[in-house]
Amino acid sequence: MVNRRISQNVKLAAIRLYERGLLQLWDILECCNFSEHTFYHILKLWHDTGDVITHNQSFRGWPCLLDRDDLDYILSLVRSNPDYFLNKLLSLVKNNCFISVHFTTIFQELECAGMSYKKLRRITTERNEDLCVDFISRVAQYEPQQLGFVDETSKDEHTICQCYGCT
């Protein structure tokens, strides 16, 4: 018989037909088109686990040492000061969160969060404290109700409004 994936519904139907005595085993095997060995394997799995498919509980790699709060803390550090190197982030996490991880763990988590070296370099070069202070002093003269912001990610010269994002 060809090695193929048998649907969970077909397996359940075969077990129910067999356990309720509605069909003989040979008729079930012929209808479902699988071998006697496969049927008994499914039946054993059904009796052992209550399910007809195996759920692979094994995880690849090391368990994650950083939880959501730790990741948020690291991202806030990077956003507030993109000049931090990995060893500085490593020492801050170790001292403030009491977690000892390898610098590659922090690097991989930053990559997963979309913080690439190129993006951090751009943030660092665009960051100018004098311009930030000047911008804040100019914006401070307005009330929050007077401010409006536009997201230009989906706006071009051919559309009159943005298609995605906040309004």
N, C-alpha and C. Protein backbone atom coordinates (compact mmCIF):
# COMPACT_ATOMS: atom_id res chain seq x y z
N MET A 1 0.83 -1.17 0.00
CA MET A 1 0.00 0.00 0.00
C MET A 1 0.88 1.24 0.00
N VAL A 2 0.45 2.28 -0.65
CA VAL A 2 1.21 3.51 -0.81
C VAL A 2 1.20 4.28 0.51
N ASN A 3 2.34 4.87 0.84
CA ASN A 3 2.44 5.68 2.04
C ASN A 3 1.70 7.00 1.79
N ARG A 4 0.60 7.20 2.47
CA ARG A 4 -0.18 8.41 2.28
C ARG A 4 -0.74 8.85 3.62
N ARG A 5 -1.22 10.05 3.65
CA ARG A 5 -1.79 10.61 4.87
C ARG A 5 -3.30 10.33 4.86
N ILE A 6 -3.78 9.69 5.93
CA ILE A 6 -5.18 9.34 6.03
C ILE A 6 -5.89 10.41 6.85
N SER A 7 -7.01 10.86 6.35
CA SER A 7 -7.76 11.92 7.01
C SER A 7 -8.19 11.50 8.41
N GLN A 8 -8.22 12.47 9.32
CA GLN A 8 -8.66 12.20 10.69
C GLN A 8 -10.11 11.75 10.71
N ASN A 9 -10.93 12.32 9.84
CA ASN A 9 -12.35 11.94 9.79
C ASN A 9 -12.54 10.49 9.35
N VAL A 10 -11.73 10.04 8.40
CA VAL A 10 -11.82 8.66 7.94
C VAL A 10 -11.41 7.71 9.07
N LYS A 11 -10.37 8.06 9.79
CA LYS A 11 -9.93 7.23 10.91
C LYS A 11 -11.01 7.14 11.98
N LEU A 12 -11.60 8.28 12.32
CA LEU A 12 -12.68 8.29 13.33
C LEU A 12 -13.88 7.47 12.87
N ALA A 13 -14.23 7.59 11.60
CA ALA A 13 -15.37 6.83 11.07
C ALA A 13 -15.10 5.34 11.15
N ALA A 14 -13.88 4.93 10.80
CA ALA A 14 -13.53 3.51 10.86
C ALA A 14 -13.61 2.98 12.29
N ILE A 15 -13.10 3.73 13.25
CA ILE A 15 -13.14 3.31 14.65
C ILE A 15 -14.58 3.20 15.14
N ARG A 16 -15.41 4.17 14.79
CA ARG A 16 -16.81 4.15 15.24
C ARG A 16 -17.58 2.99 14.62
N LEU A 17 -17.34 2.74 13.33
CA LEU A 17 -18.01 1.61 12.68
C LEU A 17 -17.60 0.30 13.34
N TYR A 18 -16.33 0.16 13.68
CA TYR A 18 -15.83 -1.07 14.28
C TYR A 18 -16.35 -1.25 15.70
N GLU A 19 -16.27 -0.18 16.51
CA GLU A 19 -16.67 -0.30 17.92
C GLU A 19 -18.17 -0.48 18.08
N ARG A 20 -18.96 0.04 17.17
CA ARG A 20 -20.41 -0.12 17.27
C ARG A 20 -20.90 -1.39 16.57
N GLY A 21 -19.98 -2.09 15.92
CA GLY A 21 -20.34 -3.34 15.28
C GLY A 21 -21.23 -3.18 14.06
N LEU A 22 -21.13 -2.04 13.40
CA LEU A 22 -21.99 -1.78 12.25
C LEU A 22 -21.49 -2.48 10.98
N LEU A 23 -20.18 -2.68 10.88
CA LEU A 23 -19.60 -3.38 9.73
C LEU A 23 -18.52 -4.34 10.22
N GLN A 24 -18.26 -5.33 9.43
CA GLN A 24 -17.16 -6.25 9.71
C GLN A 24 -15.85 -5.53 9.43
N LEU A 25 -14.77 -5.99 10.06
CA LEU A 25 -13.48 -5.34 9.91
C LEU A 25 -13.03 -5.32 8.46
N TRP A 26 -13.23 -6.41 7.73
CA TRP A 26 -12.77 -6.47 6.34
C TRP A 26 -13.51 -5.47 5.47
N ASP A 27 -14.79 -5.27 5.75
CA ASP A 27 -15.55 -4.27 4.98
C ASP A 27 -15.07 -2.85 5.29
N ILE A 28 -14.75 -2.60 6.55
CA ILE A 28 -14.24 -1.27 6.94
C ILE A 28 -12.91 -1.01 6.25
N LEU A 29 -12.02 -2.02 6.25
CA LEU A 29 -10.72 -1.85 5.63
C LEU A 29 -10.84 -1.61 4.13
N GLU A 30 -11.79 -2.29 3.51
CA GLU A 30 -11.98 -2.12 2.07
C GLU A 30 -12.56 -0.75 1.75
N CYS A 31 -13.50 -0.30 2.56
CA CYS A 31 -14.12 1.02 2.33
C CYS A 31 -13.12 2.16 2.58
N CYS A 32 -12.36 2.02 3.65
CA CYS A 32 -11.43 3.10 4.03
C CYS A 32 -10.11 3.02 3.28
N ASN A 33 -9.84 1.87 2.68
CA ASN A 33 -8.64 1.66 1.88
C ASN A 33 -7.35 1.81 2.69
N PHE A 34 -7.33 1.16 3.87
CA PHE A 34 -6.06 1.03 4.56
C PHE A 34 -5.91 -0.36 5.13
N SER A 35 -4.68 -0.71 5.50
CA SER A 35 -4.35 -2.08 5.89
C SER A 35 -4.84 -2.41 7.29
N GLU A 36 -4.83 -3.70 7.62
CA GLU A 36 -5.23 -4.16 8.95
C GLU A 36 -4.24 -3.63 10.00
N HIS A 37 -2.97 -3.64 9.64
CA HIS A 37 -1.95 -3.13 10.55
C HIS A 37 -2.21 -1.65 10.88
N THR A 38 -2.52 -0.86 9.87
CA THR A 38 -2.81 0.56 10.08
C THR A 38 -4.03 0.72 10.97
N PHE A 39 -5.06 -0.09 10.72
CA PHE A 39 -6.27 0.01 11.52
C PHE A 39 -5.99 -0.28 12.99
N TYR A 40 -5.23 -1.33 13.27
CA TYR A 40 -4.94 -1.66 14.67
C TYR A 40 -4.03 -0.62 15.32
N HIS A 41 -3.18 -0.02 14.54
CA HIS A 41 -2.35 1.07 15.06
C HIS A 41 -3.25 2.26 15.46
N ILE A 42 -4.20 2.60 14.60
CA ILE A 42 -5.14 3.69 14.90
C ILE A 42 -6.00 3.33 16.11
N LEU A 43 -6.44 2.09 16.18
CA LEU A 43 -7.28 1.64 17.30
C LEU A 43 -6.50 1.72 18.62
N LYS A 44 -5.24 1.31 18.61
CA LYS A 44 -4.42 1.40 19.83
C LYS A 44 -4.23 2.85 20.24
N LEU A 45 -3.97 3.71 19.28
CA LEU A 45 -3.82 5.13 19.55
C LEU A 45 -5.11 5.70 20.13
N TRP A 46 -6.25 5.27 19.61
CA TRP A 46 -7.56 5.72 20.10
C TRP A 46 -7.77 5.30 21.55
N HIS A 47 -7.41 4.07 21.88
CA HIS A 47 -7.60 3.59 23.25
C HIS A 47 -6.59 4.23 24.23
N ASP A 48 -5.38 4.51 23.74
CA ASP A 48 -4.35 5.09 24.61
C ASP A 48 -4.55 6.58 24.87
N THR A 49 -4.89 7.32 23.82
CA THR A 49 -4.92 8.78 23.94
C THR A 49 -6.30 9.40 23.78
N GLY A 50 -7.25 8.65 23.22
CA GLY A 50 -8.56 9.22 22.96
C GLY A 50 -8.61 10.01 21.66
N ASP A 51 -7.57 9.92 20.87
CA ASP A 51 -7.52 10.61 19.59
C ASP A 51 -6.93 9.66 18.56
N VAL A 52 -7.19 9.91 17.28
CA VAL A 52 -6.72 9.01 16.23
C VAL A 52 -5.48 9.54 15.53
N ILE A 53 -5.01 10.69 15.94
CA ILE A 53 -3.77 11.23 15.37
C ILE A 53 -2.80 11.49 16.51
N THR A 54 -1.51 11.40 16.18
CA THR A 54 -0.50 11.68 17.19
C THR A 54 -0.22 13.17 17.20
N HIS A 55 -0.12 13.72 18.38
CA HIS A 55 0.23 15.12 18.54
C HIS A 55 1.68 15.18 18.99
N ASN A 56 2.51 15.71 18.14
CA ASN A 56 3.94 15.78 18.43
C ASN A 56 4.18 16.88 19.45
N GLN A 57 4.55 16.51 20.66
CA GLN A 57 4.76 17.45 21.73
C GLN A 57 6.22 17.89 21.85
N SER A 58 7.06 17.42 20.97
CA SER A 58 8.47 17.78 21.09
C SER A 58 8.69 19.16 20.48
N PHE A 59 9.51 19.96 21.13
CA PHE A 59 9.83 21.29 20.66
C PHE A 59 11.28 21.30 20.22
N ARG A 60 11.56 22.05 19.19
CA ARG A 60 12.92 22.13 18.69
C ARG A 60 13.65 23.25 19.41
N GLY A 61 14.90 23.03 19.71
CA GLY A 61 15.73 24.06 20.30
C GLY A 61 15.58 24.16 21.80
N TRP A 62 16.20 25.19 22.35
CA TRP A 62 16.15 25.43 23.78
C TRP A 62 14.85 26.11 24.15
N PRO A 63 14.40 25.93 25.39
CA PRO A 63 13.20 26.65 25.81
C PRO A 63 13.49 28.15 25.88
N CYS A 64 12.47 28.94 25.62
CA CYS A 64 12.63 30.39 25.61
C CYS A 64 12.82 30.89 27.03
N LEU A 65 13.88 31.66 27.25
CA LEU A 65 14.17 32.19 28.58
C LEU A 65 13.57 33.57 28.80
N LEU A 66 13.19 34.23 27.72
CA LEU A 66 12.64 35.58 27.82
C LEU A 66 11.13 35.52 27.66
N ASP A 67 10.41 36.15 28.59
CA ASP A 67 8.95 36.22 28.42
C ASP A 67 8.58 37.55 27.77
N ARG A 68 7.31 37.79 27.61
CA ARG A 68 6.81 38.98 26.90
C ARG A 68 7.28 40.28 27.56
N ASP A 69 7.27 40.33 28.88
CA ASP A 69 7.70 41.55 29.58
C ASP A 69 9.17 41.84 29.34
N ASP A 70 9.99 40.78 29.34
CA ASP A 70 11.42 40.96 29.09
C ASP A 70 11.67 41.48 27.67
N LEU A 71 10.93 40.94 26.72
CA LEU A 71 11.08 41.39 25.33
C LEU A 71 10.63 42.83 25.18
N ASP A 72 9.54 43.18 25.83
CA ASP A 72 9.08 44.57 25.79
C ASP A 72 10.12 45.51 26.38
N TYR A 73 10.75 45.07 27.47
CA TYR A 73 11.80 45.87 28.10
C TYR A 73 12.97 46.07 27.14
N ILE A 74 13.41 45.01 26.48
CA ILE A 74 14.53 45.12 25.54
C ILE A 74 14.16 46.05 24.38
N LEU A 75 12.95 45.90 23.85
CA LEU A 75 12.53 46.76 22.74
C LEU A 75 12.43 48.21 23.17
N SER A 76 11.97 48.46 24.40
CA SER A 76 11.91 49.85 24.87
C SER A 76 13.31 50.43 25.02
N LEU A 77 14.27 49.61 25.46
CA LEU A 77 15.65 50.09 25.55
C LEU A 77 16.19 50.45 24.18
N VAL A 78 15.93 49.61 23.20
CA VAL A 78 16.44 49.85 21.85
C VAL A 78 15.78 51.07 21.24
N ARG A 79 14.48 51.23 21.46
CA ARG A 79 13.79 52.39 20.88
C ARG A 79 14.22 53.69 21.55
N SER A 80 14.48 53.64 22.85
CA SER A 80 14.89 54.86 23.55
C SER A 80 16.34 55.23 23.25
N ASN A 81 17.18 54.23 23.05
CA ASN A 81 18.58 54.50 22.75
C ASN A 81 19.09 53.44 21.77
N PRO A 82 18.97 53.69 20.47
CA PRO A 82 19.40 52.69 19.48
C PRO A 82 20.91 52.51 19.40
N ASP A 83 21.67 53.32 20.14
CA ASP A 83 23.13 53.19 20.13
C ASP A 83 23.62 52.04 20.98
N TYR A 84 22.75 51.44 21.78
CA TYR A 84 23.17 50.34 22.65
C TYR A 84 23.66 49.16 21.82
N PHE A 85 24.80 48.62 22.21
CA PHE A 85 25.28 47.41 21.60
C PHE A 85 24.70 46.21 22.35
N LEU A 86 24.87 45.03 21.78
CA LEU A 86 24.30 43.83 22.40
C LEU A 86 24.85 43.57 23.79
N ASN A 87 26.13 43.85 24.01
CA ASN A 87 26.67 43.60 25.34
C ASN A 87 26.08 44.55 26.37
N LYS A 88 25.74 45.78 25.97
CA LYS A 88 25.09 46.72 26.88
C LYS A 88 23.67 46.24 27.19
N LEU A 89 22.94 45.79 26.17
CA LEU A 89 21.59 45.24 26.38
C LEU A 89 21.66 44.01 27.27
N LEU A 90 22.67 43.19 27.05
CA LEU A 90 22.85 41.98 27.84
C LEU A 90 23.04 42.31 29.31
N SER A 91 23.87 43.29 29.61
CA SER A 91 24.11 43.65 31.01
C SER A 91 22.87 44.29 31.63
N LEU A 92 22.12 45.09 30.87
CA LEU A 92 20.90 45.70 31.41
C LEU A 92 19.84 44.65 31.71
N VAL A 93 19.70 43.67 30.83
CA VAL A 93 18.74 42.59 31.08
C VAL A 93 19.17 41.77 32.28
N LYS A 94 20.44 41.51 32.40
CA LYS A 94 20.94 40.73 33.52
C LYS A 94 20.74 41.46 34.85
N ASN A 95 21.01 42.77 34.87
CA ASN A 95 20.90 43.54 36.11
C ASN A 95 19.47 43.91 36.46
N ASN A 96 18.64 44.23 35.48
CA ASN A 96 17.29 44.73 35.75
C ASN A 96 16.22 43.65 35.73
N CYS A 97 16.41 42.62 34.91
CA CYS A 97 15.41 41.54 34.82
C CYS A 97 15.87 40.27 35.51
N PHE A 98 17.13 40.23 35.95
CA PHE A 98 17.70 39.08 36.63
C PHE A 98 17.66 37.82 35.77
N ILE A 99 17.96 38.00 34.49
CA ILE A 99 17.98 36.88 33.53
C ILE A 99 19.34 36.86 32.86
N SER A 100 19.95 35.70 32.86
CA SER A 100 21.24 35.54 32.19
C SER A 100 21.02 34.78 30.89
N VAL A 101 21.15 35.49 29.78
CA VAL A 101 20.99 34.89 28.46
C VAL A 101 22.21 35.22 27.62
N HIS A 102 22.36 34.53 26.54
CA HIS A 102 23.47 34.77 25.61
C HIS A 102 23.09 35.94 24.70
N PHE A 103 24.09 36.66 24.22
CA PHE A 103 23.79 37.82 23.37
C PHE A 103 23.10 37.42 22.07
N THR A 104 23.32 36.18 21.60
CA THR A 104 22.62 35.75 20.38
C THR A 104 21.13 35.62 20.61
N THR A 105 20.72 35.31 21.84
CA THR A 105 19.29 35.25 22.16
C THR A 105 18.67 36.62 21.99
N ILE A 106 19.33 37.64 22.50
CA ILE A 106 18.82 39.00 22.36
C ILE A 106 18.82 39.41 20.90
N PHE A 107 19.88 39.06 20.18
CA PHE A 107 19.96 39.38 18.77
C PHE A 107 18.82 38.75 17.98
N GLN A 108 18.54 37.46 18.23
CA GLN A 108 17.47 36.77 17.53
C GLN A 108 16.11 37.35 17.88
N GLU A 109 15.90 37.73 19.13
CA GLU A 109 14.62 38.32 19.52
C GLU A 109 14.43 39.68 18.87
N LEU A 110 15.51 40.45 18.75
CA LEU A 110 15.42 41.74 18.06
C LEU A 110 15.12 41.54 16.57
N GLU A 111 15.72 40.51 15.98
CA GLU A 111 15.41 40.21 14.58
C GLU A 111 13.96 39.82 14.40
N CYS A 112 13.44 38.99 15.31
CA CYS A 112 12.03 38.57 15.23
C CYS A 112 11.09 39.76 15.39
N ALA A 113 11.52 40.75 16.16
CA ALA A 113 10.69 41.94 16.36
C ALA A 113 10.85 42.94 15.23
N GLY A 114 11.68 42.63 14.24
CA GLY A 114 11.84 43.50 13.09
C GLY A 114 12.91 44.55 13.26
N MET A 115 13.75 44.42 14.28
CA MET A 115 14.82 45.38 14.51
C MET A 115 16.10 44.85 13.88
N SER A 116 16.37 45.26 12.67
CA SER A 116 17.60 44.83 12.01
C SER A 116 18.71 45.85 12.28
N TYR A 117 19.93 45.45 12.01
CA TYR A 117 21.06 46.35 12.20
C TYR A 117 20.91 47.57 11.30
N LYS A 118 20.41 47.34 10.08
CA LYS A 118 20.23 48.43 9.14
C LYS A 118 19.20 49.44 9.66
N LYS A 119 18.11 48.94 10.21
CA LYS A 119 17.08 49.81 10.74
C LYS A 119 17.60 50.59 11.94
N LEU A 120 18.34 49.92 12.83
CA LEU A 120 18.90 50.60 13.99
C LEU A 120 19.92 51.66 13.57
N ARG A 121 20.71 51.36 12.55
CA ARG A 121 21.67 52.34 12.04
C ARG A 121 20.95 53.58 11.54
N ARG A 122 19.84 53.37 10.80
CA ARG A 122 19.08 54.49 10.25
C ARG A 122 18.47 55.32 11.38
N ILE A 123 17.92 54.64 12.39
CA ILE A 123 17.35 55.36 13.54
C ILE A 123 18.43 56.18 14.22
N THR A 124 19.61 55.61 14.38
CA THR A 124 20.70 56.30 15.05
C THR A 124 21.16 57.52 14.25
N THR A 125 21.31 57.37 12.94
CA THR A 125 21.77 58.50 12.14
C THR A 125 20.71 59.59 12.03
N GLU A 126 19.44 59.22 12.03
CA GLU A 126 18.38 60.22 11.94
C GLU A 126 18.09 60.89 13.28
N ARG A 127 18.54 60.29 14.35
CA ARG A 127 18.25 60.84 15.68
C ARG A 127 19.17 62.04 15.95
N ASN A 128 18.54 63.17 16.16
CA ASN A 128 19.28 64.39 16.45
C ASN A 128 18.58 65.06 17.62
N GLU A 129 19.27 65.15 18.76
CA GLU A 129 18.65 65.68 19.98
C GLU A 129 18.20 67.12 19.81
N ASP A 130 18.99 67.93 19.10
CA ASP A 130 18.62 69.34 18.91
C ASP A 130 17.33 69.46 18.10
N LEU A 131 17.23 68.63 17.06
CA LEU A 131 16.01 68.65 16.24
C LEU A 131 14.80 68.15 17.04
N CYS A 132 15.01 67.16 17.89
CA CYS A 132 13.91 66.65 18.72
C CYS A 132 13.42 67.72 19.68
N VAL A 133 14.33 68.43 20.32
CA VAL A 133 13.95 69.50 21.25
C VAL A 133 13.23 70.61 20.50
N ASP A 134 13.73 70.98 19.33
CA ASP A 134 13.10 72.01 18.51
C ASP A 134 11.69 71.60 18.10
N PHE A 135 11.52 70.35 17.69
CA PHE A 135 10.20 69.86 17.29
C PHE A 135 9.23 69.87 18.47
N ILE A 136 9.67 69.43 19.62
CA ILE A 136 8.80 69.39 20.80
C ILE A 136 8.39 70.81 21.20
N SER A 137 9.32 71.76 21.13
CA SER A 137 8.97 73.14 21.50
C SER A 137 7.97 73.74 20.51
N ARG A 138 8.10 73.40 19.21
CA ARG A 138 7.14 73.92 18.23
C ARG A 138 5.77 73.28 18.38
N VAL A 139 5.71 71.98 18.66
CA VAL A 139 4.44 71.28 18.77
C VAL A 139 3.74 71.60 20.09
N ALA A 140 4.50 71.97 21.11
CA ALA A 140 3.93 72.23 22.43
C ALA A 140 2.97 73.41 22.43
N GLN A 141 3.05 74.27 21.43
CA GLN A 141 2.17 75.44 21.41
C GLN A 141 0.74 75.09 20.98
N TYR A 142 0.53 73.88 20.48
CA TYR A 142 -0.80 73.47 20.01
C TYR A 142 -1.49 72.58 21.04
N GLU A 143 -2.82 72.61 21.02
CA GLU A 143 -3.62 71.71 21.84
C GLU A 143 -3.65 70.35 21.13
N PRO A 144 -3.82 69.25 21.89
CA PRO A 144 -3.86 67.92 21.25
C PRO A 144 -4.96 67.81 20.20
N GLN A 145 -6.08 68.53 20.39
CA GLN A 145 -7.17 68.46 19.41
C GLN A 145 -6.82 69.14 18.09
N GLN A 146 -5.80 69.97 18.09
CA GLN A 146 -5.41 70.69 16.88
C GLN A 146 -4.42 69.90 16.02
N LEU A 147 -3.91 68.79 16.54
CA LEU A 147 -2.90 68.03 15.82
C LEU A 147 -3.54 66.93 14.98
N GLY A 148 -3.02 66.71 13.80
CA GLY A 148 -3.46 65.61 12.94
C GLY A 148 -2.25 64.93 12.35
N PHE A 149 -2.34 63.62 12.18
CA PHE A 149 -1.21 62.85 11.68
C PHE A 149 -1.66 62.02 10.50
N VAL A 150 -0.79 61.86 9.52
CA VAL A 150 -1.10 61.11 8.31
C VAL A 150 -0.11 59.96 8.19
N ASP A 151 -0.66 58.78 7.92
CA ASP A 151 0.18 57.61 7.65
C ASP A 151 0.29 57.49 6.14
N GLU A 152 1.47 57.63 5.60
CA GLU A 152 1.66 57.66 4.16
C GLU A 152 2.03 56.31 3.58
N THR A 153 1.85 55.21 4.30
CA THR A 153 2.27 53.91 3.79
C THR A 153 1.45 53.48 2.59
N SER A 154 0.19 53.88 2.52
CA SER A 154 -0.66 53.47 1.39
C SER A 154 -1.16 54.66 0.59
N LYS A 155 -0.52 55.78 0.69
CA LYS A 155 -0.96 56.98 0.00
C LYS A 155 0.01 57.30 -1.12
N ASP A 156 -0.53 57.58 -2.32
CA ASP A 156 0.30 58.05 -3.41
C ASP A 156 -0.48 59.11 -4.17
N GLU A 157 0.03 59.56 -5.30
CA GLU A 157 -0.61 60.64 -6.05
C GLU A 157 -1.92 60.21 -6.71
N HIS A 158 -2.18 58.91 -6.84
CA HIS A 158 -3.36 58.43 -7.52
C HIS A 158 -4.53 58.18 -6.58
N THR A 159 -4.28 58.12 -5.28
CA THR A 159 -5.35 57.88 -4.33
C THR A 159 -5.62 59.15 -3.53
N ILE A 160 -6.89 59.32 -3.15
CA ILE A 160 -7.21 60.53 -2.40
C ILE A 160 -7.24 60.27 -0.90
N CYS A 161 -7.10 59.03 -0.50
CA CYS A 161 -7.08 58.72 0.92
C CYS A 161 -6.23 57.48 1.14
N GLN A 162 -5.88 57.23 2.39
CA GLN A 162 -5.11 56.03 2.68
C GLN A 162 -6.05 54.84 2.77
N CYS A 163 -5.55 53.67 2.40
CA CYS A 163 -6.38 52.47 2.40
C CYS A 163 -6.25 51.69 3.71
N TYR A 164 -5.12 51.77 4.37
CA TYR A 164 -4.89 51.03 5.58
C TYR A 164 -4.35 51.97 6.65
N GLY A 165 -4.42 51.53 7.87
CA GLY A 165 -3.84 52.30 8.96
C GLY A 165 -4.91 53.00 9.77
N CYS A 166 -4.47 53.78 10.73
CA CYS A 166 -5.39 54.47 11.63
C CYS A 166 -5.84 55.78 11.01
N THR A 167 -7.05 56.20 11.34
CA THR A 167 -7.55 57.50 10.85
C THR A 167 -7.64 58.46 11.99
